[in-house]
Protein backbone atom coordinates (compact mmCIF):
# COMPACT_ATOMS: atom_id res chain seq x y z
CA MET A 1 67.69 -66.74 169.10
CA ALA A 2 70.73 -68.00 171.02
CA LYS A 3 72.04 -69.73 167.92
CA SER A 4 72.03 -66.53 165.89
CA PHE A 5 73.52 -64.23 168.54
CA TRP A 6 76.04 -66.55 170.21
CA PRO A 7 78.97 -66.05 167.76
CA THR A 8 78.57 -62.27 167.90
CA HIS A 9 78.37 -62.31 171.69
CA CYS A 10 81.49 -64.47 171.90
CA ARG A 11 83.36 -62.23 169.45
CA ASN A 12 82.51 -59.11 171.46
CA ASN A 13 83.61 -60.78 174.69
CA ARG A 14 86.88 -61.77 173.04
CA ARG A 15 87.52 -58.16 172.09
CA GLY A 16 86.90 -57.07 175.65
CA VAL A 17 89.21 -59.74 177.07
CA ILE A 18 92.02 -58.78 174.71
CA ARG A 19 91.63 -55.08 175.49
CA PHE A 20 91.56 -55.85 179.22
CA ARG A 21 94.74 -57.92 178.82
CA VAL A 22 96.57 -55.04 177.16
CA PHE A 23 95.33 -52.64 179.86
CA LEU A 24 96.57 -54.91 182.63
CA ALA A 25 99.89 -55.52 180.87
CA SER A 26 100.53 -51.79 180.89
CA PHE A 27 101.12 -52.06 184.66
CA SER A 28 103.99 -54.55 184.26
CA ALA A 29 106.88 -52.07 184.25
CA ASN A 30 109.14 -53.99 186.65
CA ARG A 31 107.20 -57.23 187.04
CA LEU A 32 107.89 -59.83 184.35
CA TRP A 33 105.54 -62.35 185.97
CA TRP A 34 102.67 -59.88 185.57
CA LEU A 35 103.40 -59.54 181.85
CA TYR A 36 103.47 -63.34 181.51
CA LEU A 37 100.18 -63.59 183.37
CA CYS A 38 98.49 -60.95 181.23
CA PHE A 39 99.69 -62.20 177.88
CA GLY A 40 99.74 -65.89 178.75
CA PHE A 41 96.72 -66.71 180.84
CA ILE A 42 94.36 -63.87 179.94
CA GLY A 43 95.53 -63.96 176.32
CA GLY A 44 94.74 -67.68 176.23
CA ILE A 45 91.18 -66.96 177.30
CA GLY A 46 90.81 -64.41 174.50
CA LEU A 47 92.37 -66.81 172.00
CA GLY A 48 90.01 -69.56 173.08
CA LEU A 49 87.04 -67.29 172.57
CA SER A 50 88.24 -66.39 169.08
CA TYR A 51 88.92 -70.05 168.25
CA ILE A 52 85.56 -71.48 169.24
CA VAL A 53 83.42 -69.20 167.04
CA PRO A 54 84.60 -70.38 163.59
CA VAL A 55 84.76 -74.02 164.70
CA SER A 56 81.21 -74.00 166.05
CA VAL A 57 79.87 -72.24 162.96
CA LEU A 58 81.62 -74.69 160.65
CA VAL A 59 80.25 -77.66 162.59
CA LYS A 60 76.74 -76.24 162.13
CA TRP A 61 77.35 -75.73 158.40
CA PHE A 62 78.67 -79.26 157.87
CA PRO A 63 76.87 -81.50 160.40
CA ASP A 64 77.60 -84.71 158.49
CA ARG A 65 81.38 -84.01 158.34
CA ARG A 66 82.05 -82.73 161.85
CA GLY A 67 85.44 -84.39 162.30
CA LEU A 68 86.75 -83.37 158.89
CA ILE A 69 85.71 -79.75 159.17
CA THR A 70 87.03 -79.46 162.72
CA GLY A 71 90.37 -80.86 161.55
CA ILE A 72 90.53 -78.41 158.66
CA ALA A 73 89.69 -75.49 160.97
CA VAL A 74 92.30 -76.53 163.53
CA GLY A 75 94.86 -77.04 160.76
CA GLY A 76 94.10 -73.59 159.36
CA PHE A 77 94.46 -72.09 162.81
CA GLY A 78 97.88 -73.70 163.19
CA ALA A 79 98.94 -72.80 159.65
CA GLY A 80 98.18 -69.16 160.40
CA ALA A 81 100.58 -69.24 163.32
CA LEU A 82 103.13 -71.11 161.20
CA ILE A 83 103.05 -68.35 158.59
CA THR A 84 102.80 -65.43 160.99
CA ALA A 85 105.78 -66.39 163.18
CA PRO A 86 108.52 -66.09 160.50
CA VAL A 87 106.95 -62.90 159.16
CA ALA A 88 106.90 -61.35 162.64
CA THR A 89 110.49 -62.45 163.27
CA GLY A 90 111.63 -60.87 160.01
CA LEU A 91 109.82 -57.63 160.75
CA ILE A 92 111.25 -57.45 164.26
CA GLN A 93 114.80 -58.00 162.96
CA LYS A 94 114.32 -55.43 160.21
CA LEU A 95 112.77 -52.74 162.38
CA VAL A 96 115.07 -53.04 165.41
CA TYR A 97 117.02 -49.85 166.01
């Protein structure tokens, strides 16, 4: 039973952590360190929870190729950030008042 419910449980916890991070960051009006704490440390926990679910599922799907599939998943995770960063930069520059 734990094998079938663990990814869903982890995904729901990740959502809660991310929502909690945004809630706490709303109190950072004059405190830059608080914003860094909320989006850095607490955001890292949420990111870790979202990262472990697909990697663990893929390792269960391909037990004989654990290293290869973990490398592909980590590479895809990094490639997503590589693609998203320039897109976000372009949108920010375009939409700035």
